[in-house]
């Protein structure tokens, strides 16, 4: 398999080494009930998405955290 070279603009860019965590919180918990969003269920008093965000936010290699939600 041939390895593709990065364009010069990415090779020397400061963005080439940034790490972004993506939390996908757009699904529906259909097996859990018709109106339940699993990422917003509370565990230990906080939504699952908050626990996930905090883990990534305190992880030194992660520069940015993006949460993807569905449009209502």
PDB file of N, CA and C in Angstrom:
ATOM      1  N   UNK A   1       0.842  -1.174   0.000  1.00  0.00           N
ATOM      2  CA  UNK A   1       0.000   0.000   0.000  1.00  0.00           C
ATOM      3  C   UNK A   1       0.889   1.240   0.000  1.00  0.00           C
ATOM      4  N   UNK A   2       0.555   2.181  -0.829  1.00  0.00           N
ATOM      5  CA  UNK A   2       1.340   3.398  -0.967  1.00  0.00           C
ATOM      6  C   UNK A   2       0.939   4.428   0.082  1.00  0.00           C
ATOM      7  N   UNK A   3       1.905   5.028   0.721  1.00  0.00           N
ATOM      8  CA  UNK A   3       1.639   6.071   1.714  1.00  0.00           C
ATOM      9  C   UNK A   3       1.569   7.418   0.999  1.00  0.00           C
ATOM     10  N   UNK A   4       0.522   8.152   1.270  1.00  0.00           N
ATOM     11  CA  UNK A   4       0.360   9.466   0.654  1.00  0.00           C
ATOM     12  C   UNK A   4       1.094  10.514   1.470  1.00  0.00           C
ATOM     13  N   UNK A   5       1.779  11.381   0.786  1.00  0.00           N
ATOM     14  CA  UNK A   5       2.495  12.465   1.465  1.00  0.00           C
ATOM     15  C   UNK A   5       1.512  13.564   1.830  1.00  0.00           C
ATOM     16  N   UNK A   6       1.766  14.213   2.929  1.00  0.00           N
ATOM     17  CA  UNK A   6       0.955  15.372   3.319  1.00  0.00           C
ATOM     18  C   UNK A   6       1.329  16.558   2.444  1.00  0.00           C
ATOM     19  N   UNK A   7       0.357  17.405   2.160  1.00  0.00           N
ATOM     20  CA  UNK A   7       0.694  18.640   1.449  1.00  0.00           C
ATOM     21  C   UNK A   7       1.649  19.480   2.297  1.00  0.00           C
ATOM     22  N   UNK A   8       2.494  20.248   1.641  1.00  0.00           N
ATOM     23  CA  UNK A   8       3.484  21.069   2.351  1.00  0.00           C
ATOM     24  C   UNK A   8       2.817  21.990   3.362  1.00  0.00           C
ATOM     25  N   UNK A   9       1.627  22.487   3.048  1.00  0.00           N
ATOM     26  CA  UNK A   9       0.950  23.407   3.965  1.00  0.00           C
ATOM     27  C   UNK A   9       0.601  22.725   5.290  1.00  0.00           C
ATOM     28  N   UNK A  10       0.351  21.423   5.286  1.00  0.00           N
ATOM     29  CA  UNK A  10       0.051  20.706   6.521  1.00  0.00           C
ATOM     30  C   UNK A  10       1.306  20.212   7.216  1.00  0.00           C
ATOM     31  N   UNK A  11       2.306  19.875   6.437  1.00  0.00           N
ATOM     32  CA  UNK A  11       3.531  19.328   7.009  1.00  0.00           C
ATOM     33  C   UNK A  11       4.203  20.295   7.962  1.00  0.00           C
ATOM     34  N   UNK A  12       4.151  21.574   7.657  1.00  0.00           N
ATOM     35  CA  UNK A  12       4.856  22.577   8.448  1.00  0.00           C
ATOM     36  C   UNK A  12       3.905  23.475   9.235  1.00  0.00           C
ATOM     37  N   UNK A  13       2.666  23.123   9.263  1.00  0.00           N
ATOM     38  CA  UNK A  13       1.658  23.915   9.953  1.00  0.00           C
ATOM     39  C   UNK A  13       1.624  23.562  11.437  1.00  0.00           C
ATOM     40  N   UNK A  14       1.251  24.532  12.255  1.00  0.00           N
ATOM     41  CA  UNK A  14       1.088  24.251  13.683  1.00  0.00           C
ATOM     42  C   UNK A  14      -0.126  23.360  13.922  1.00  0.00           C
ATOM     43  N   UNK A  15      -1.039  23.295  12.957  1.00  0.00           N
ATOM     44  CA  UNK A  15      -2.224  22.466  13.093  1.00  0.00           C
ATOM     45  C   UNK A  15      -1.932  20.989  12.869  1.00  0.00           C
ATOM     46  N   UNK A  16      -0.791  20.673  12.306  1.00  0.00           N
ATOM     47  CA  UNK A  16      -0.476  19.284  11.981  1.00  0.00           C
ATOM     48  C   UNK A  16      -0.377  18.415  13.226  1.00  0.00           C
ATOM     49  N   UNK A  17      -0.114  18.996  14.383  1.00  0.00           N
ATOM     50  CA  UNK A  17       0.067  18.198  15.585  1.00  0.00           C
ATOM     51  C   UNK A  17      -1.018  18.438  16.631  1.00  0.00           C
ATOM     52  N   UNK A  18      -2.109  19.042  16.237  1.00  0.00           N
ATOM     53  CA  UNK A  18      -3.199  19.271  17.181  1.00  0.00           C
ATOM     54  C   UNK A  18      -4.066  18.020  17.273  1.00  0.00           C
ATOM     55  N   UNK A  19      -4.543  17.734  18.460  1.00  0.00           N
ATOM     56  CA  UNK A  19      -5.414  16.581  18.679  1.00  0.00           C
ATOM     57  C   UNK A  19      -6.793  17.095  19.072  1.00  0.00           C
ATOM     58  N   UNK A  20      -7.802  16.653  18.347  1.00  0.00           N
ATOM     59  CA  UNK A  20      -9.174  17.039  18.633  1.00  0.00           C
ATOM     60  C   UNK A  20      -9.973  15.795  18.988  1.00  0.00           C
ATOM     61  N   UNK A  21     -10.651  15.822  20.114  1.00  0.00           N
ATOM     62  CA  UNK A  21     -11.541  14.730  20.513  1.00  0.00           C
ATOM     63  C   UNK A  21     -12.944  15.078  20.039  1.00  0.00           C
ATOM     64  N   UNK A  22     -13.615  14.121  19.430  1.00  0.00           N
ATOM     65  CA  UNK A  22     -14.975  14.323  18.950  1.00  0.00           C
ATOM     66  C   UNK A  22     -15.904  13.408  19.745  1.00  0.00           C
ATOM     67  N   UNK A  23     -16.860  14.018  20.433  1.00  0.00           N
ATOM     68  CA  UNK A  23     -17.860  13.272  21.195  1.00  0.00           C
ATOM     69  C   UNK A  23     -19.151  13.303  20.386  1.00  0.00           C
ATOM     70  N   UNK A  24     -19.592  12.148  19.938  1.00  0.00           N
ATOM     71  CA  UNK A  24     -20.818  12.068  19.149  1.00  0.00           C
ATOM     72  C   UNK A  24     -21.975  11.788  20.106  1.00  0.00           C
ATOM     73  N   UNK A  25     -22.800  12.812  20.302  1.00  0.00           N
ATOM     74  CA  UNK A  25     -23.940  12.717  21.218  1.00  0.00           C
ATOM     75  C   UNK A  25     -25.225  12.961  20.444  1.00  0.00           C
ATOM     76  N   UNK A  26     -25.341  12.329  19.285  1.00  0.00           N
ATOM     77  CA  UNK A  26     -26.459  12.600  18.398  1.00  0.00           C
ATOM     78  C   UNK A  26     -27.438  11.443  18.294  1.00  0.00           C
ATOM     79  N   UNK A  27     -27.131  10.314  18.936  1.00  0.00           N
ATOM     80  CA  UNK A  27     -27.992   9.143  18.813  1.00  0.00           C
ATOM     81  C   UNK A  27     -29.176   9.188  19.751  1.00  0.00           C
ATOM     82  N   UNK A  28     -30.085   8.307  19.483  1.00  0.00           N
ATOM     83  CA  UNK A  28     -31.258   8.150  20.349  1.00  0.00           C
ATOM     84  C   UNK A  28     -31.167   6.776  21.002  1.00  0.00           C
ATOM     85  N   UNK A  29     -31.527   6.708  22.247  1.00  0.00           N
ATOM     86  CA  UNK A  29     -31.523   5.430  22.953  1.00  0.00           C
ATOM     87  C   UNK A  29     -32.830   4.696  22.752  1.00  0.00           C
ATOM     88  N   UNK A  30     -33.082   4.220  21.547  1.00  0.00           N
ATOM     89  CA  UNK A  30     -34.386   3.627  21.239  1.00  0.00           C
ATOM     90  C   UNK A  30     -34.677   2.384  22.074  1.00  0.00           C
ATOM     91  N   UNK A  31     -33.676   1.627  22.452  1.00  0.00           N
ATOM     92  CA  UNK A  31     -33.908   0.445  23.288  1.00  0.00           C
ATOM     93  C   UNK A  31     -34.175   0.834  24.739  1.00  0.00           C
ATOM     94  N   UNK A  32     -33.849   2.062  25.106  1.00  0.00           N
ATOM     95  CA  UNK A  32     -34.028   2.515  26.488  1.00  0.00           C
ATOM     96  C   UNK A  32     -35.341   3.264  26.673  1.00  0.00           C
ATOM     97  N   UNK A  33     -36.036   3.529  25.601  1.00  0.00           N
ATOM     98  CA  UNK A  33     -37.291   4.264  25.681  1.00  0.00           C
ATOM     99  C   UNK A  33     -37.352   5.291  24.570  1.00  0.00           C
ATOM    100  N   UNK A  34     -38.535   5.758  24.237  1.00  0.00           N
ATOM    101  CA  UNK A  34     -38.690   6.642  23.077  1.00  0.00           C
ATOM    102  C   UNK A  34     -38.085   8.035  23.240  1.00  0.00           C
ATOM    103  N   UNK A  35     -37.952   8.533  24.449  1.00  0.00           N
ATOM    104  CA  UNK A  35     -37.486   9.906  24.638  1.00  0.00           C
ATOM    105  C   UNK A  35     -36.182   9.987  25.425  1.00  0.00           C
ATOM    106  N   UNK A  36     -35.348   8.968  25.320  1.00  0.00           N
ATOM    107  CA  UNK A  36     -34.124   8.933  26.114  1.00  0.00           C
ATOM    108  C   UNK A  36     -32.906   9.129  25.222  1.00  0.00           C
ATOM    109  N   UNK A  37     -32.123  10.156  25.504  1.00  0.00           N
ATOM    110  CA  UNK A  37     -30.834  10.354  24.847  1.00  0.00           C
ATOM    111  C   UNK A  37     -29.772   9.820  25.798  1.00  0.00           C
ATOM    112  N   UNK A  38     -29.096   8.749  25.392  1.00  0.00           N
ATOM    113  CA  UNK A  38     -28.149   8.078  26.294  1.00  0.00           C
ATOM    114  C   UNK A  38     -27.071   9.012  26.821  1.00  0.00           C
ATOM    115  N   UNK A  39     -26.565   9.912  25.997  1.00  0.00           N
ATOM    116  CA  UNK A  39     -25.477  10.794  26.424  1.00  0.00           C
ATOM    117  C   UNK A  39     -25.929  11.811  27.470  1.00  0.00           C
ATOM    118  N   UNK A  40     -27.241  11.981  27.621  1.00  0.00           N
ATOM    119  CA  UNK A  40     -27.743  12.943  28.590  1.00  0.00           C
ATOM    120  C   UNK A  40     -28.333  12.277  29.838  1.00  0.00           C
ATOM    121  N   UNK A  41     -28.218  10.950  29.917  1.00  0.00           N
ATOM    122  CA  UNK A  41     -28.608  10.255  31.143  1.00  0.00           C
ATOM    123  C   UNK A  41     -27.630  10.621  32.244  1.00  0.00           C
ATOM    124  N   UNK A  42     -28.121  10.727  33.449  1.00  0.00           N
ATOM    125  CA  UNK A  42     -27.241  11.106  34.559  1.00  0.00           C
ATOM    126  C   UNK A  42     -26.616   9.893  35.222  1.00  0.00           C
ATOM    127  N   UNK A  43     -25.327  10.010  35.488  1.00  0.00           N
ATOM    128  CA  UNK A  43     -24.566   9.038  36.262  1.00  0.00           C
ATOM    129  C   UNK A  43     -23.819   9.844  37.316  1.00  0.00           C
ATOM    130  N   UNK A  44     -23.985   9.479  38.561  1.00  0.00           N
ATOM    131  CA  UNK A  44     -23.342  10.190  39.677  1.00  0.00           C
ATOM    132  C   UNK A  44     -23.670  11.686  39.650  1.00  0.00           C
ATOM    133  N   UNK A  45     -24.910  12.007  39.257  1.00  0.00           N
ATOM    134  CA  UNK A  45     -25.374  13.384  39.310  1.00  0.00           C
ATOM    135  C   UNK A  45     -25.036  14.262  38.120  1.00  0.00           C
ATOM    136  N   UNK A  46     -24.376  13.692  37.100  1.00  0.00           N
ATOM    137  CA  UNK A  46     -24.012  14.479  35.912  1.00  0.00           C
ATOM    138  C   UNK A  46     -24.309  13.675  34.648  1.00  0.00           C
ATOM    139  N   UNK A  47     -24.646  14.358  33.546  1.00  0.00           N
ATOM    140  CA  UNK A  47     -24.904  13.640  32.299  1.00  0.00           C
ATOM    141  C   UNK A  47     -23.635  12.930  31.798  1.00  0.00           C
ATOM    142  N   UNK A  48     -23.846  11.825  31.098  1.00  0.00           N
ATOM    143  CA  UNK A  48     -22.728  11.058  30.534  1.00  0.00           C
ATOM    144  C   UNK A  48     -21.839  11.950  29.670  1.00  0.00           C
ATOM    145  N   UNK A  49     -22.439  12.836  28.876  1.00  0.00           N
ATOM    146  CA  UNK A  49     -21.646  13.701  28.000  1.00  0.00           C
ATOM    147  C   UNK A  49     -20.722  14.614  28.810  1.00  0.00           C
ATOM    148  N   UNK A  50     -21.151  15.041  29.988  1.00  0.00           N
ATOM    149  CA  UNK A  50     -20.298  15.881  30.836  1.00  0.00           C
ATOM    150  C   UNK A  50     -19.106  15.079  31.365  1.00  0.00           C
ATOM    151  N   UNK A  51     -19.352  13.853  31.797  1.00  0.00           N
ATOM    152  CA  UNK A  51     -18.253  12.994  32.253  1.00  0.00           C
ATOM    153  C   UNK A  51     -17.241  12.791  31.127  1.00  0.00           C
ATOM    154  N   UNK A  52     -17.758  12.541  29.917  1.00  0.00           N
ATOM    155  CA  UNK A  52     -16.889  12.316  28.760  1.00  0.00           C
ATOM    156  C   UNK A  52     -16.082  13.566  28.450  1.00  0.00           C
ATOM    157  N   UNK A  53     -16.742  14.727  28.420  1.00  0.00           N
ATOM    158  CA  UNK A  53     -16.070  16.003  28.157  1.00  0.00           C
ATOM    159  C   UNK A  53     -14.943  16.235  29.164  1.00  0.00           C
ATOM    160  N   UNK A  54     -15.238  16.040  30.434  1.00  0.00           N
ATOM    161  CA  UNK A  54     -14.235  16.289  31.473  1.00  0.00           C
ATOM    162  C   UNK A  54     -13.013  15.395  31.308  1.00  0.00           C
ATOM    163  N   UNK A  55     -13.219  14.143  30.913  1.00  0.00           N
ATOM    164  CA  UNK A  55     -12.074  13.245  30.713  1.00  0.00           C
ATOM    165  C   UNK A  55     -11.182  13.754  29.588  1.00  0.00           C
ATOM    166  N   UNK A  56     -11.791  14.149  28.475  1.00  0.00           N
ATOM    167  CA  UNK A  56     -10.997  14.672  27.359  1.00  0.00           C
ATOM    168  C   UNK A  56     -10.375  16.019  27.703  1.00  0.00           C
ATOM    169  N   UNK A  57     -11.112  16.864  28.425  1.00  0.00           N
ATOM    170  CA  UNK A  57     -10.627  18.203  28.762  1.00  0.00           C
ATOM    171  C   UNK A  57      -9.404  18.158  29.677  1.00  0.00           C
ATOM    172  N   UNK A  58      -9.277  17.115  30.469  1.00  0.00           N
ATOM    173  CA  UNK A  58      -8.131  16.992  31.371  1.00  0.00           C
ATOM    174  C   UNK A  58      -7.046  16.072  30.819  1.00  0.00           C
ATOM    175  N   UNK A  59      -7.204  15.620  29.584  1.00  0.00           N
ATOM    176  CA  UNK A  59      -6.214  14.748  28.944  1.00  0.00           C
ATOM    177  C   UNK A  59      -5.177  15.631  28.238  1.00  0.00           C
ATOM    178  N   UNK A  60      -3.927  15.641  28.702  1.00  0.00           N
ATOM    179  CA  UNK A  60      -2.923  16.563  28.155  1.00  0.00           C
ATOM    180  C   UNK A  60      -2.748  16.541  26.630  1.00  0.00           C
ATOM    181  N   UNK A  61      -2.794  15.386  25.955  1.00  0.00           N
ATOM    182  CA  UNK A  61      -2.589  15.431  24.499  1.00  0.00           C
ATOM    183  C   UNK A  61      -3.741  16.063  23.719  1.00  0.00           C
ATOM    184  N   UNK A  62      -4.924  16.201  24.330  1.00  0.00           N
ATOM    185  CA  UNK A  62      -6.099  16.715  23.613  1.00  0.00           C
ATOM    186  C   UNK A  62      -6.111  18.239  23.659  1.00  0.00           C
ATOM    187  N   UNK A  63      -6.132  18.847  22.461  1.00  0.00           N
ATOM    188  CA  UNK A  63      -6.133  20.310  22.341  1.00  0.00           C
ATOM    189  C   UNK A  63      -7.544  20.895  22.304  1.00  0.00           C
ATOM    190  N   UNK A  64      -8.469  20.181  21.671  1.00  0.00           N
ATOM    191  CA  UNK A  64      -9.837  20.676  21.499  1.00  0.00           C
ATOM    192  C   UNK A  64     -10.814  19.531  21.704  1.00  0.00           C
ATOM    193  N   UNK A  65     -12.008  19.880  22.173  1.00  0.00           N
ATOM    194  CA  UNK A  65     -13.086  18.903  22.310  1.00  0.00           C
ATOM    195  C   UNK A  65     -14.281  19.435  21.525  1.00  0.00           C
ATOM    196  N   UNK A  66     -14.838  18.596  20.664  1.00  0.00           N
ATOM    197  CA  UNK A  66     -15.999  18.957  19.861  1.00  0.00           C
ATOM    198  C   UNK A  66     -17.122  17.991  20.212  1.00  0.00           C
ATOM    199  N   UNK A  67     -18.307  18.524  20.491  1.00  0.00           N
ATOM    200  CA  UNK A  67     -19.477  17.688  20.762  1.00  0.00           C
ATOM    201  C   UNK A  67     -20.424  17.817  19.577  1.00  0.00           C
ATOM    202  N   UNK A  68     -20.802  16.683  19.006  1.00  0.00           N
ATOM    203  CA  UNK A  68     -21.716  16.654  17.867  1.00  0.00           C
ATOM    204  C   UNK A  68     -23.085  16.240  18.383  1.00  0.00           C
ATOM    205  N   UNK A  69     -24.090  17.083  18.133  1.00  0.00           N
ATOM    206  CA  UNK A  69     -25.462  16.772  18.539  1.00  0.00           C
ATOM    207  C   UNK A  69     -26.364  16.825  17.314  1.00  0.00           C
ATOM    208  N   UNK A  70     -27.533  16.257  17.432  1.00  0.00           N
ATOM    209  CA  UNK A  70     -28.464  16.292  16.299  1.00  0.00           C
ATOM    210  C   UNK A  70     -29.331  17.543  16.384  1.00  0.00           C
ATOM    211  N   UNK A  71     -29.801  17.958  15.255  1.00  0.00           N
ATOM    212  CA  UNK A  71     -30.725  19.088  15.200  1.00  0.00           C
ATOM    213  C   UNK A  71     -32.104  18.597  15.610  1.00  0.00           C
ATOM    214  N   UNK A  72     -32.748  19.318  16.454  1.00  0.00           N
ATOM    215  CA  UNK A  72     -34.090  18.918  16.927  1.00  0.00           C
ATOM    216  C   UNK A  72     -35.130  19.277  15.916  1.00  0.00           C
TER     217      UNK A  72
END
